[in-house]
Amino acid sequence: MKILIILAHPEEKSFNAAMFNTAVRTLEKEGHEVKTTNLYKENYHPVSGKQNFTRLKNPDYFKQQDEELFALQHATLMPDIVAEQEKIEWCEIMIWQFPLYWFSVPAILKGWIDKVFTMGKLYDNGKIFSNGFSAGKTAMLSVTTGGPEKNYVEDRYGEIHSILFPIHRGILEFLGFTVLQPEIIYSVERLTDDERETALQNWSERLTNLEKETVEKLG
């Protein structure tokens, strides 16, 4: 299968990087084609705006969706954004690897979303959810947290699936992706070396059987 993995963590020696490297190694060993985007390593510029385009339809008043539709017809989208869109078009499965920052994705990943998921290309009127451009593709989040699992309950931080729902439903499913259960590693800073190794082994084993996973309704 063709698999795209996005990494959003600034430290190359981090556990997130280890999860990312484990995924690449495991999936390639299983015979899958893998492409990656390492946002921090590539010094990705996350601010979305006029700079997304080589020229503007309306230089006097910027409206991003209008410019995205104009770009679709006139090839005015910046090449680095087009390159990321081509990866998404290419892949059958997309995996995001990131630490949970303030109950959401890191800003650099949000910026990637804002710039890459353009109107007319990744979504459009009537081209969302089951009829979206990415229908037939699969996505999965692989997330680490700072807090322990016991805190992710309704009367504390909130249940993890509720926290991830805006990403699962409002981004990935909105575009048409079928979303698998997330891989969650809780309280990563408190894990022992043995616990980290076990988590990496479990992750590798899950990825080995990725094609066999069944889709369950997410909370």
N, C-alpha and C. Protein backbone atom coordinates (compact mmCIF):
# COMPACT_ATOMS: atom_id res chain seq x y z
N MET A 1 0.83 -1.20 0.00
CA MET A 1 0.00 0.00 0.00
C MET A 1 0.87 1.25 0.00
N LYS A 2 0.29 2.36 -0.36
CA LYS A 2 0.99 3.64 -0.39
C LYS A 2 0.63 4.42 0.87
N ILE A 3 1.63 4.70 1.68
CA ILE A 3 1.38 5.27 3.01
C ILE A 3 2.17 6.56 3.19
N LEU A 4 1.48 7.60 3.63
CA LEU A 4 2.09 8.90 3.93
C LEU A 4 2.10 9.11 5.43
N ILE A 5 3.26 9.48 5.97
CA ILE A 5 3.39 9.73 7.41
C ILE A 5 3.86 11.16 7.62
N ILE A 6 3.11 11.90 8.43
CA ILE A 6 3.45 13.28 8.78
C ILE A 6 3.95 13.31 10.22
N LEU A 7 5.13 13.86 10.44
CA LEU A 7 5.68 14.01 11.79
C LEU A 7 5.70 15.47 12.18
N ALA A 8 5.16 15.77 13.38
CA ALA A 8 5.17 17.13 13.90
C ALA A 8 5.76 17.13 15.30
N HIS A 9 7.08 17.10 15.39
CA HIS A 9 7.78 17.20 16.68
C HIS A 9 9.16 17.80 16.42
N PRO A 10 9.58 18.77 17.26
CA PRO A 10 10.82 19.49 16.98
C PRO A 10 12.10 18.75 17.33
N GLU A 11 12.02 17.67 18.11
CA GLU A 11 13.22 16.98 18.58
C GLU A 11 13.41 15.64 17.86
N GLU A 12 14.54 15.51 17.18
CA GLU A 12 14.81 14.29 16.41
C GLU A 12 15.05 13.07 17.29
N LYS A 13 15.36 13.29 18.58
CA LYS A 13 15.59 12.17 19.49
C LYS A 13 14.38 11.89 20.37
N SER A 14 13.27 12.52 20.08
CA SER A 14 12.07 12.38 20.90
C SER A 14 11.42 11.02 20.69
N PHE A 15 10.47 10.70 21.58
CA PHE A 15 9.71 9.46 21.43
C PHE A 15 8.81 9.54 20.21
N ASN A 16 8.29 10.73 19.90
CA ASN A 16 7.51 10.88 18.68
C ASN A 16 8.36 10.53 17.45
N ALA A 17 9.59 10.97 17.44
CA ALA A 17 10.48 10.63 16.33
C ALA A 17 10.74 9.13 16.29
N ALA A 18 10.86 8.50 17.46
CA ALA A 18 11.04 7.05 17.51
C ALA A 18 9.81 6.33 16.96
N MET A 19 8.62 6.83 17.28
CA MET A 19 7.39 6.25 16.74
C MET A 19 7.36 6.41 15.21
N PHE A 20 7.73 7.58 14.75
CA PHE A 20 7.80 7.87 13.32
C PHE A 20 8.78 6.93 12.61
N ASN A 21 9.98 6.82 13.16
CA ASN A 21 11.00 5.97 12.55
C ASN A 21 10.60 4.50 12.57
N THR A 22 9.96 4.09 13.66
CA THR A 22 9.47 2.71 13.76
C THR A 22 8.43 2.45 12.68
N ALA A 23 7.54 3.40 12.48
CA ALA A 23 6.50 3.25 11.46
C ALA A 23 7.11 3.12 10.06
N VAL A 24 8.04 4.00 9.74
CA VAL A 24 8.68 3.95 8.42
C VAL A 24 9.38 2.61 8.21
N ARG A 25 10.16 2.22 9.20
CA ARG A 25 10.93 0.97 9.10
C ARG A 25 10.01 -0.24 8.98
N THR A 26 8.99 -0.30 9.82
CA THR A 26 8.08 -1.45 9.82
C THR A 26 7.30 -1.55 8.51
N LEU A 27 6.76 -0.44 8.07
CA LEU A 27 5.93 -0.45 6.86
C LEU A 27 6.74 -0.77 5.62
N GLU A 28 7.95 -0.24 5.54
CA GLU A 28 8.80 -0.56 4.39
C GLU A 28 9.20 -2.03 4.42
N LYS A 29 9.46 -2.56 5.60
CA LYS A 29 9.80 -3.98 5.73
C LYS A 29 8.65 -4.86 5.27
N GLU A 30 7.42 -4.39 5.49
CA GLU A 30 6.23 -5.15 5.08
C GLU A 30 5.94 -5.00 3.59
N GLY A 31 6.75 -4.22 2.89
CA GLY A 31 6.59 -4.08 1.45
C GLY A 31 5.75 -2.91 1.00
N HIS A 32 5.37 -2.04 1.93
CA HIS A 32 4.58 -0.87 1.56
C HIS A 32 5.48 0.24 1.01
N GLU A 33 4.92 1.09 0.18
CA GLU A 33 5.61 2.30 -0.26
C GLU A 33 5.32 3.39 0.76
N VAL A 34 6.36 4.07 1.21
CA VAL A 34 6.19 5.09 2.25
C VAL A 34 6.77 6.42 1.79
N LYS A 35 5.99 7.47 1.95
CA LYS A 35 6.47 8.83 1.79
C LYS A 35 6.26 9.56 3.11
N THR A 36 7.08 10.56 3.39
CA THR A 36 7.01 11.26 4.67
C THR A 36 7.09 12.77 4.49
N THR A 37 6.59 13.46 5.50
CA THR A 37 6.82 14.89 5.68
C THR A 37 7.20 15.10 7.14
N ASN A 38 8.41 15.59 7.37
CA ASN A 38 8.90 15.87 8.72
C ASN A 38 8.89 17.39 8.87
N LEU A 39 7.83 17.92 9.45
CA LEU A 39 7.56 19.35 9.38
C LEU A 39 8.65 20.21 10.01
N TYR A 40 9.09 19.86 11.20
CA TYR A 40 10.12 20.67 11.85
C TYR A 40 11.46 20.54 11.14
N LYS A 41 11.81 19.32 10.76
CA LYS A 41 13.09 19.10 10.07
C LYS A 41 13.14 19.87 8.76
N GLU A 42 12.00 19.96 8.10
CA GLU A 42 11.92 20.67 6.83
C GLU A 42 11.70 22.17 7.02
N ASN A 43 11.68 22.61 8.29
CA ASN A 43 11.49 24.03 8.61
C ASN A 43 10.24 24.58 7.93
N TYR A 44 9.16 23.82 8.07
CA TYR A 44 7.91 24.17 7.41
C TYR A 44 7.35 25.48 7.97
N HIS A 45 6.96 26.37 7.07
CA HIS A 45 6.41 27.67 7.48
C HIS A 45 4.89 27.53 7.62
N PRO A 46 4.35 27.60 8.84
CA PRO A 46 2.95 27.24 9.05
C PRO A 46 1.93 28.36 8.84
N VAL A 47 2.38 29.59 8.63
CA VAL A 47 1.43 30.70 8.53
C VAL A 47 0.80 30.71 7.15
N SER A 48 -0.53 30.62 7.13
CA SER A 48 -1.27 30.60 5.87
C SER A 48 -1.73 32.00 5.51
N GLY A 49 -1.62 32.35 4.24
CA GLY A 49 -2.04 33.68 3.81
C GLY A 49 -1.70 33.93 2.36
N LYS A 50 -1.48 35.18 2.02
CA LYS A 50 -1.20 35.56 0.63
C LYS A 50 0.03 34.84 0.07
N GLN A 51 0.96 34.51 0.98
CA GLN A 51 2.19 33.87 0.54
C GLN A 51 1.98 32.44 0.06
N ASN A 52 0.76 31.92 0.18
CA ASN A 52 0.44 30.59 -0.35
C ASN A 52 0.41 30.58 -1.88
N PHE A 53 0.40 31.77 -2.48
CA PHE A 53 0.14 31.87 -3.91
C PHE A 53 1.23 32.67 -4.62
N THR A 54 1.49 32.30 -5.86
CA THR A 54 2.48 33.02 -6.66
C THR A 54 1.94 34.35 -7.17
N ARG A 55 0.65 34.43 -7.35
CA ARG A 55 -0.03 35.70 -7.67
C ARG A 55 -1.48 35.58 -7.22
N LEU A 56 -2.14 36.71 -7.09
CA LEU A 56 -3.48 36.73 -6.51
C LEU A 56 -4.53 37.12 -7.54
N LYS A 57 -5.69 36.54 -7.38
CA LYS A 57 -6.85 36.94 -8.18
C LYS A 57 -7.27 38.36 -7.82
N ASN A 58 -7.26 38.67 -6.52
CA ASN A 58 -7.66 39.99 -6.06
C ASN A 58 -6.62 40.52 -5.07
N PRO A 59 -5.64 41.27 -5.54
CA PRO A 59 -4.60 41.80 -4.65
C PRO A 59 -5.13 42.80 -3.63
N ASP A 60 -6.31 43.36 -3.86
CA ASP A 60 -6.84 44.40 -2.99
C ASP A 60 -7.60 43.86 -1.78
N TYR A 61 -8.08 42.61 -1.89
CA TYR A 61 -8.84 42.04 -0.77
C TYR A 61 -8.63 40.53 -0.78
N PHE A 62 -7.94 40.04 0.24
CA PHE A 62 -7.57 38.63 0.26
C PHE A 62 -8.67 37.78 0.88
N LYS A 63 -9.14 36.81 0.13
CA LYS A 63 -10.06 35.80 0.63
C LYS A 63 -9.50 34.44 0.21
N GLN A 64 -9.07 33.67 1.19
CA GLN A 64 -8.27 32.49 0.88
C GLN A 64 -9.01 31.47 0.00
N GLN A 65 -10.28 31.20 0.30
CA GLN A 65 -10.99 30.21 -0.50
C GLN A 65 -11.12 30.65 -1.96
N ASP A 66 -11.36 31.93 -2.20
CA ASP A 66 -11.44 32.42 -3.57
C ASP A 66 -10.10 32.24 -4.29
N GLU A 67 -9.02 32.52 -3.56
CA GLU A 67 -7.70 32.37 -4.17
C GLU A 67 -7.37 30.90 -4.42
N GLU A 68 -7.84 30.02 -3.53
CA GLU A 68 -7.61 28.59 -3.74
C GLU A 68 -8.32 28.09 -4.98
N LEU A 69 -9.54 28.54 -5.19
CA LEU A 69 -10.28 28.15 -6.40
C LEU A 69 -9.63 28.73 -7.65
N PHE A 70 -9.15 29.97 -7.55
CA PHE A 70 -8.44 30.60 -8.66
C PHE A 70 -7.16 29.83 -8.97
N ALA A 71 -6.47 29.41 -7.91
CA ALA A 71 -5.22 28.66 -8.07
C ALA A 71 -5.43 27.34 -8.78
N LEU A 72 -6.57 26.74 -8.55
CA LEU A 72 -6.88 25.45 -9.18
C LEU A 72 -6.94 25.59 -10.70
N GLN A 73 -7.41 26.74 -11.17
CA GLN A 73 -7.55 26.98 -12.61
C GLN A 73 -6.31 27.60 -13.24
N HIS A 74 -5.52 28.30 -12.42
CA HIS A 74 -4.41 29.08 -12.99
C HIS A 74 -3.04 28.69 -12.43
N ALA A 75 -2.99 27.61 -11.67
CA ALA A 75 -1.72 27.07 -11.15
C ALA A 75 -0.91 28.13 -10.39
N THR A 76 -1.58 28.82 -9.48
CA THR A 76 -0.91 29.87 -8.71
C THR A 76 -0.57 29.45 -7.28
N LEU A 77 -0.82 28.19 -6.94
CA LEU A 77 -0.47 27.71 -5.61
C LEU A 77 1.03 27.46 -5.54
N MET A 78 1.64 27.80 -4.40
CA MET A 78 3.08 27.64 -4.24
C MET A 78 3.48 26.17 -4.41
N PRO A 79 4.65 25.93 -5.02
CA PRO A 79 5.07 24.56 -5.31
C PRO A 79 5.17 23.65 -4.09
N ASP A 80 5.58 24.20 -2.94
CA ASP A 80 5.70 23.35 -1.75
C ASP A 80 4.34 22.86 -1.28
N ILE A 81 3.30 23.65 -1.46
CA ILE A 81 1.95 23.22 -1.10
C ILE A 81 1.46 22.17 -2.09
N VAL A 82 1.70 22.39 -3.35
CA VAL A 82 1.33 21.42 -4.38
C VAL A 82 1.99 20.07 -4.11
N ALA A 83 3.26 20.10 -3.69
CA ALA A 83 3.98 18.86 -3.42
C ALA A 83 3.31 18.06 -2.30
N GLU A 84 2.83 18.75 -1.27
CA GLU A 84 2.14 18.06 -0.18
C GLU A 84 0.79 17.51 -0.65
N GLN A 85 0.10 18.25 -1.47
CA GLN A 85 -1.17 17.77 -2.01
C GLN A 85 -0.97 16.52 -2.86
N GLU A 86 0.12 16.50 -3.60
CA GLU A 86 0.41 15.34 -4.44
C GLU A 86 0.68 14.10 -3.59
N LYS A 87 1.29 14.29 -2.44
CA LYS A 87 1.50 13.16 -1.53
C LYS A 87 0.17 12.61 -1.02
N ILE A 88 -0.74 13.51 -0.70
CA ILE A 88 -2.05 13.08 -0.21
C ILE A 88 -2.82 12.36 -1.31
N GLU A 89 -2.76 12.89 -2.53
CA GLU A 89 -3.42 12.22 -3.65
C GLU A 89 -2.82 10.83 -3.88
N TRP A 90 -1.52 10.72 -3.70
CA TRP A 90 -0.80 9.47 -3.94
C TRP A 90 -1.14 8.40 -2.92
N CYS A 91 -1.30 8.79 -1.67
CA CYS A 91 -1.37 7.80 -0.59
C CYS A 91 -2.73 7.12 -0.52
N GLU A 92 -2.70 5.92 0.06
CA GLU A 92 -3.92 5.19 0.41
C GLU A 92 -4.21 5.29 1.90
N ILE A 93 -3.14 5.42 2.68
CA ILE A 93 -3.25 5.59 4.13
C ILE A 93 -2.40 6.78 4.54
N MET A 94 -2.93 7.62 5.42
CA MET A 94 -2.17 8.75 5.96
C MET A 94 -2.13 8.64 7.48
N ILE A 95 -0.93 8.78 8.04
CA ILE A 95 -0.73 8.71 9.48
C ILE A 95 -0.12 10.02 9.95
N TRP A 96 -0.70 10.60 11.00
CA TRP A 96 -0.12 11.79 11.63
C TRP A 96 0.49 11.39 12.96
N GLN A 97 1.76 11.72 13.15
CA GLN A 97 2.45 11.46 14.41
C GLN A 97 2.74 12.79 15.09
N PHE A 98 2.17 12.99 16.29
CA PHE A 98 2.35 14.28 16.95
C PHE A 98 2.07 14.18 18.45
N PRO A 99 2.63 15.12 19.23
CA PRO A 99 2.27 15.24 20.64
C PRO A 99 1.01 16.10 20.77
N LEU A 100 0.18 15.78 21.73
CA LEU A 100 -1.03 16.56 21.96
C LEU A 100 -0.64 17.88 22.63
N TYR A 101 -0.87 18.99 21.93
CA TYR A 101 -0.57 20.32 22.46
C TYR A 101 -1.89 21.03 22.74
N TRP A 102 -2.14 21.34 23.99
CA TRP A 102 -3.36 22.06 24.36
C TRP A 102 -4.60 21.41 23.72
N PHE A 103 -4.66 20.08 23.87
CA PHE A 103 -5.82 19.30 23.42
C PHE A 103 -6.03 19.38 21.90
N SER A 104 -4.95 19.58 21.16
CA SER A 104 -5.06 19.68 19.71
C SER A 104 -3.72 19.33 19.07
N VAL A 105 -3.61 19.62 17.79
CA VAL A 105 -2.36 19.37 17.08
C VAL A 105 -1.40 20.53 17.31
N PRO A 106 -0.09 20.30 17.17
CA PRO A 106 0.87 21.41 17.23
C PRO A 106 0.59 22.44 16.14
N ALA A 107 0.97 23.68 16.40
CA ALA A 107 0.68 24.77 15.46
C ALA A 107 1.25 24.50 14.07
N ILE A 108 2.41 23.86 14.02
CA ILE A 108 3.04 23.62 12.72
C ILE A 108 2.20 22.66 11.88
N LEU A 109 1.56 21.69 12.54
CA LEU A 109 0.68 20.76 11.83
C LEU A 109 -0.62 21.45 11.43
N LYS A 110 -1.15 22.29 12.31
CA LYS A 110 -2.36 23.04 11.96
C LYS A 110 -2.10 23.95 10.76
N GLY A 111 -0.92 24.56 10.73
CA GLY A 111 -0.58 25.39 9.58
C GLY A 111 -0.49 24.60 8.29
N TRP A 112 0.06 23.39 8.40
CA TRP A 112 0.12 22.50 7.23
C TRP A 112 -1.29 22.20 6.73
N ILE A 113 -2.20 21.92 7.65
CA ILE A 113 -3.60 21.67 7.30
C ILE A 113 -4.19 22.90 6.60
N ASP A 114 -4.01 24.07 7.20
CA ASP A 114 -4.59 25.30 6.66
C ASP A 114 -4.10 25.60 5.25
N LYS A 115 -2.84 25.27 4.97
CA LYS A 115 -2.26 25.59 3.68
C LYS A 115 -2.53 24.53 2.62
N VAL A 116 -2.50 23.27 3.03
CA VAL A 116 -2.54 22.17 2.08
C VAL A 116 -3.95 21.74 1.72
N PHE A 117 -4.87 21.82 2.67
CA PHE A 117 -6.23 21.35 2.43
C PHE A 117 -7.06 22.46 1.77
N THR A 118 -6.82 22.68 0.51
CA THR A 118 -7.41 23.81 -0.19
C THR A 118 -8.77 23.47 -0.80
N MET A 119 -9.60 24.49 -0.88
CA MET A 119 -10.93 24.33 -1.48
C MET A 119 -10.79 24.04 -2.98
N GLY A 120 -11.61 23.12 -3.44
CA GLY A 120 -11.57 22.73 -4.84
C GLY A 120 -10.64 21.58 -5.12
N LYS A 121 -9.67 21.38 -4.22
CA LYS A 121 -8.69 20.31 -4.38
C LYS A 121 -8.89 19.20 -3.35
N LEU A 122 -9.02 19.58 -2.08
CA LEU A 122 -9.22 18.60 -1.01
C LEU A 122 -10.66 18.54 -0.54
N TYR A 123 -11.42 19.59 -0.79
CA TYR A 123 -12.84 19.60 -0.45
C TYR A 123 -13.53 20.65 -1.32
N ASP A 124 -14.84 20.55 -1.40
CA ASP A 124 -15.62 21.53 -2.15
C ASP A 124 -17.08 21.35 -1.77
N ASN A 125 -17.93 22.24 -2.24
CA ASN A 125 -19.36 22.10 -1.97
C ASN A 125 -19.86 20.75 -2.50
N GLY A 126 -20.39 19.95 -1.60
CA GLY A 126 -20.87 18.63 -1.99
C GLY A 126 -19.81 17.56 -2.03
N LYS A 127 -18.53 17.94 -1.93
CA LYS A 127 -17.44 16.98 -1.95
C LYS A 127 -16.83 16.88 -0.56
N ILE A 128 -17.63 16.38 0.37
CA ILE A 128 -17.19 16.22 1.75
C ILE A 128 -17.73 14.90 2.29
N PHE A 129 -17.15 14.49 3.42
CA PHE A 129 -17.54 13.24 4.09
C PHE A 129 -17.50 12.07 3.10
N SER A 130 -18.55 11.27 3.02
CA SER A 130 -18.50 10.06 2.20
C SER A 130 -18.35 10.35 0.71
N ASN A 131 -18.63 11.59 0.32
CA ASN A 131 -18.49 11.99 -1.08
C ASN A 131 -17.25 12.85 -1.29
N GLY A 132 -16.36 12.88 -0.29
CA GLY A 132 -15.19 13.74 -0.36
C GLY A 132 -14.14 13.25 -1.35
N PHE A 133 -13.21 14.13 -1.68
CA PHE A 133 -12.14 13.78 -2.60
C PHE A 133 -11.27 12.65 -2.07
N SER A 134 -11.20 12.49 -0.74
CA SER A 134 -10.37 11.45 -0.14
C SER A 134 -11.15 10.21 0.25
N ALA A 135 -12.38 10.08 -0.23
CA ALA A 135 -13.16 8.88 0.03
C ALA A 135 -12.41 7.67 -0.52
N GLY A 136 -12.38 6.60 0.28
CA GLY A 136 -11.63 5.41 -0.10
C GLY A 136 -10.25 5.36 0.50
N LYS A 137 -9.78 6.49 1.04
CA LYS A 137 -8.50 6.54 1.73
C LYS A 137 -8.73 6.37 3.23
N THR A 138 -7.67 6.00 3.94
CA THR A 138 -7.74 5.77 5.38
C THR A 138 -6.76 6.68 6.10
N ALA A 139 -7.12 7.14 7.28
CA ALA A 139 -6.23 7.99 8.08
C ALA A 139 -6.19 7.49 9.52
N MET A 140 -5.08 7.79 10.19
CA MET A 140 -4.94 7.41 11.59
C MET A 140 -4.05 8.42 12.30
N LEU A 141 -4.41 8.74 13.53
CA LEU A 141 -3.60 9.59 14.39
C LEU A 141 -2.77 8.73 15.32
N SER A 142 -1.50 9.08 15.47
CA SER A 142 -0.63 8.47 16.48
C SER A 142 -0.16 9.60 17.39
N VAL A 143 -0.61 9.57 18.63
CA VAL A 143 -0.53 10.74 19.51
C VAL A 143 0.14 10.38 20.83
N THR A 144 0.97 11.27 21.33
CA THR A 144 1.50 11.13 22.69
C THR A 144 0.91 12.23 23.56
N THR A 145 0.77 11.94 24.84
CA THR A 145 0.25 12.93 25.79
C THR A 145 1.24 13.16 26.91
N GLY A 146 1.10 14.30 27.58
CA GLY A 146 1.89 14.57 28.77
C GLY A 146 1.24 13.99 30.01
N GLY A 147 -0.09 14.02 30.06
CA GLY A 147 -0.83 13.54 31.22
C GLY A 147 -1.05 12.05 31.19
N PRO A 148 -1.27 11.44 32.36
CA PRO A 148 -1.52 10.00 32.45
C PRO A 148 -2.92 9.65 31.95
N GLU A 149 -3.09 8.39 31.59
CA GLU A 149 -4.37 7.93 31.04
C GLU A 149 -5.53 8.17 32.00
N LYS A 150 -5.27 8.05 33.32
CA LYS A 150 -6.34 8.19 34.30
C LYS A 150 -6.97 9.58 34.28
N ASN A 151 -6.24 10.57 33.77
CA ASN A 151 -6.77 11.94 33.71
C ASN A 151 -7.71 12.18 32.52
N TYR A 152 -7.67 11.27 31.56
CA TYR A 152 -8.49 11.46 30.36
C TYR A 152 -9.86 10.80 30.55
N VAL A 153 -10.60 11.38 31.47
CA VAL A 153 -11.96 10.95 31.79
C VAL A 153 -12.85 12.18 31.77
N GLU A 154 -14.15 11.96 31.76
CA GLU A 154 -15.11 13.04 31.53
C GLU A 154 -15.00 14.17 32.53
N ASP A 155 -14.74 13.85 33.81
CA ASP A 155 -14.72 14.91 34.81
C ASP A 155 -13.32 15.47 35.06
N ARG A 156 -12.35 15.11 34.21
CA ARG A 156 -11.01 15.71 34.28
C ARG A 156 -10.70 16.38 32.94
N TYR A 157 -9.79 15.80 32.19
CA TYR A 157 -9.42 16.40 30.91
C TYR A 157 -10.47 16.17 29.82
N GLY A 158 -11.29 15.14 30.01
CA GLY A 158 -12.20 14.71 28.97
C GLY A 158 -11.69 13.43 28.34
N GLU A 159 -12.62 12.61 27.84
CA GLU A 159 -12.24 11.34 27.22
C GLU A 159 -11.46 11.61 25.93
N ILE A 160 -10.42 10.82 25.68
CA ILE A 160 -9.50 11.12 24.58
C ILE A 160 -10.19 11.15 23.23
N HIS A 161 -11.19 10.29 23.01
CA HIS A 161 -11.88 10.31 21.72
C HIS A 161 -12.69 11.59 21.54
N SER A 162 -13.18 12.15 22.64
CA SER A 162 -13.89 13.43 22.56
C SER A 162 -12.92 14.56 22.21
N ILE A 163 -11.72 14.49 22.77
CA ILE A 163 -10.71 15.51 22.48
C ILE A 163 -10.29 15.46 21.02
N LEU A 164 -10.15 14.25 20.49
CA LEU A 164 -9.69 14.08 19.12
C LEU A 164 -10.82 14.20 18.09
N PHE A 165 -12.07 14.27 18.55
CA PHE A 165 -13.21 14.30 17.63
C PHE A 165 -13.13 15.44 16.61
N PRO A 166 -12.75 16.67 17.01
CA PRO A 166 -12.67 17.74 16.00
C PRO A 166 -11.67 17.43 14.89
N ILE A 167 -10.64 16.65 15.20
CA ILE A 167 -9.66 16.27 14.18
C ILE A 167 -10.22 15.12 13.35
N HIS A 168 -10.71 14.10 14.05
CA HIS A 168 -11.26 12.94 13.35
C HIS A 168 -12.41 13.32 12.43
N ARG A 169 -13.39 14.02 12.99
CA ARG A 169 -14.62 14.33 12.24
C ARG A 169 -14.51 15.62 11.43
N GLY A 170 -13.96 16.66 12.08
CA GLY A 170 -13.97 17.98 11.47
C GLY A 170 -12.90 18.19 10.42
N ILE A 171 -11.90 17.30 10.37
CA ILE A 171 -10.85 17.43 9.36
C ILE A 171 -10.81 16.18 8.47
N LEU A 172 -10.47 15.04 9.08
CA LEU A 172 -10.20 13.85 8.27
C LEU A 172 -11.46 13.26 7.64
N GLU A 173 -12.48 13.00 8.45
CA GLU A 173 -13.72 12.48 7.88
C GLU A 173 -14.39 13.51 6.98
N PHE A 174 -14.26 14.78 7.32
CA PHE A 174 -14.81 15.85 6.48
C PHE A 174 -14.27 15.76 5.06
N LEU A 175 -12.99 15.40 4.93
CA LEU A 175 -12.37 15.29 3.62
C LEU A 175 -12.70 13.99 2.91
N GLY A 176 -13.27 13.03 3.66
CA GLY A 176 -13.64 11.76 3.06
C GLY A 176 -12.86 10.57 3.57
N PHE A 177 -11.83 10.82 4.39
CA PHE A 177 -11.04 9.72 4.93
C PHE A 177 -11.87 8.84 5.85
N THR A 178 -11.62 7.55 5.80
CA THR A 178 -12.08 6.63 6.84
C THR A 178 -11.03 6.64 7.94
N VAL A 179 -11.44 6.84 9.18
CA VAL A 179 -10.48 7.04 10.27
C VAL A 179 -10.41 5.81 11.17
N LEU A 180 -9.20 5.30 11.35
CA LEU A 180 -8.97 4.17 12.24
C LEU A 180 -8.85 4.65 13.68
N GLN A 181 -8.96 3.72 14.61
CA GLN A 181 -8.73 4.04 16.01
C GLN A 181 -7.34 4.63 16.19
N PRO A 182 -7.20 5.68 16.99
CA PRO A 182 -5.89 6.30 17.17
C PRO A 182 -4.95 5.43 17.99
N GLU A 183 -3.67 5.65 17.80
CA GLU A 183 -2.65 5.05 18.66
C GLU A 183 -2.30 6.10 19.70
N ILE A 184 -2.53 5.81 20.97
CA ILE A 184 -2.31 6.79 22.03
C ILE A 184 -1.25 6.26 23.00
N ILE A 185 -0.22 7.04 23.21
CA ILE A 185 0.79 6.73 24.23
C ILE A 185 0.68 7.81 25.30
N TYR A 186 0.18 7.42 26.46
CA TYR A 186 -0.07 8.38 27.53
C TYR A 186 1.20 8.65 28.35
N SER A 187 1.27 9.86 28.87
CA SER A 187 2.28 10.25 29.86
C SER A 187 3.68 9.82 29.42
N VAL A 188 4.03 10.17 28.21
CA VAL A 188 5.25 9.63 27.60
C VAL A 188 6.51 10.01 28.37
N GLU A 189 6.53 11.17 29.01
CA GLU A 189 7.71 11.59 29.76
C GLU A 189 7.97 10.73 30.99
N ARG A 190 6.94 10.06 31.46
CA ARG A 190 7.07 9.25 32.68
C ARG A 190 7.34 7.78 32.39
N LEU A 191 7.40 7.41 31.13
CA LEU A 191 7.62 6.02 30.79
C LEU A 191 9.07 5.62 31.03
N THR A 192 9.26 4.41 31.52
CA THR A 192 10.62 3.87 31.66
C THR A 192 11.13 3.46 30.28
N ASP A 193 12.42 3.18 30.19
CA ASP A 193 12.98 2.73 28.92
C ASP A 193 12.30 1.45 28.45
N ASP A 194 12.04 0.54 29.39
CA ASP A 194 11.38 -0.71 29.02
C ASP A 194 9.96 -0.46 28.52
N GLU A 195 9.26 0.47 29.17
CA GLU A 195 7.89 0.78 28.74
C GLU A 195 7.89 1.44 27.36
N ARG A 196 8.88 2.26 27.11
CA ARG A 196 8.98 2.88 25.79
C ARG A 196 9.25 1.83 24.72
N GLU A 197 10.12 0.91 25.03
CA GLU A 197 10.44 -0.15 24.07
C GLU A 197 9.22 -1.02 23.80
N THR A 198 8.47 -1.31 24.84
CA THR A 198 7.24 -2.10 24.67
C THR A 198 6.24 -1.35 23.79
N ALA A 199 6.11 -0.05 24.02
CA ALA A 199 5.19 0.76 23.22
C ALA A 199 5.59 0.76 21.75
N LEU A 200 6.88 0.85 21.49
CA LEU A 200 7.37 0.83 20.11
C LEU A 200 7.14 -0.53 19.46
N GLN A 201 7.33 -1.59 20.23
CA GLN A 201 7.08 -2.94 19.71
C GLN A 201 5.59 -3.13 19.39
N ASN A 202 4.74 -2.66 20.29
CA ASN A 202 3.30 -2.77 20.06
C ASN A 202 2.87 -1.98 18.82
N TRP A 203 3.46 -0.82 18.65
CA TRP A 203 3.18 0.01 17.49
C TRP A 203 3.60 -0.70 16.20
N SER A 204 4.78 -1.29 16.23
CA SER A 204 5.27 -2.03 15.08
C SER A 204 4.35 -3.20 14.74
N GLU A 205 3.91 -3.92 15.77
CA GLU A 205 3.02 -5.06 15.56
C GLU A 205 1.68 -4.60 14.98
N ARG A 206 1.18 -3.49 15.47
CA ARG A 206 -0.08 -2.97 14.93
C ARG A 206 0.07 -2.63 13.45
N LEU A 207 1.16 -1.97 13.11
CA LEU A 207 1.37 -1.56 11.73
C LEU A 207 1.56 -2.76 10.81
N THR A 208 2.12 -3.82 11.34
CA THR A 208 2.30 -5.04 10.56
C THR A 208 0.96 -5.59 10.09
N ASN A 209 -0.07 -5.38 10.91
CA ASN A 209 -1.41 -5.88 10.59
C ASN A 209 -2.37 -4.77 10.18
N LEU A 210 -1.84 -3.66 9.72
CA LEU A 210 -2.65 -2.48 9.45
C LEU A 210 -3.75 -2.74 8.42
N GLU A 211 -3.43 -3.51 7.41
CA GLU A 211 -4.41 -3.77 6.35
C GLU A 211 -5.60 -4.59 6.84
N LYS A 212 -5.41 -5.28 7.97
CA LYS A 212 -6.47 -6.15 8.48
C LYS A 212 -7.37 -5.44 9.49
N GLU A 213 -7.04 -4.20 9.84
CA GLU A 213 -7.82 -3.50 10.86
C GLU A 213 -9.24 -3.22 10.37
N THR A 214 -10.17 -3.40 11.27
CA THR A 214 -11.56 -3.06 10.98
C THR A 214 -11.85 -1.66 11.52
N VAL A 215 -12.74 -0.98 10.87
CA VAL A 215 -13.08 0.39 11.25
C VAL A 215 -14.21 0.36 12.27
N GLU A 216 -13.99 1.04 13.39
CA GLU A 216 -15.02 1.16 14.41
C GLU A 216 -15.43 2.62 14.51
N LYS A 217 -16.67 2.85 14.88
CA LYS A 217 -17.15 4.23 15.03
C LYS A 217 -16.41 4.90 16.17
N LEU A 218 -15.86 6.07 15.91
CA LEU A 218 -15.11 6.80 16.91
C LEU A 218 -16.04 7.67 17.73
N GLY A 219 -15.67 7.88 19.03
CA GLY A 219 -16.50 8.70 19.89
C GLY A 219 -16.41 10.17 19.57
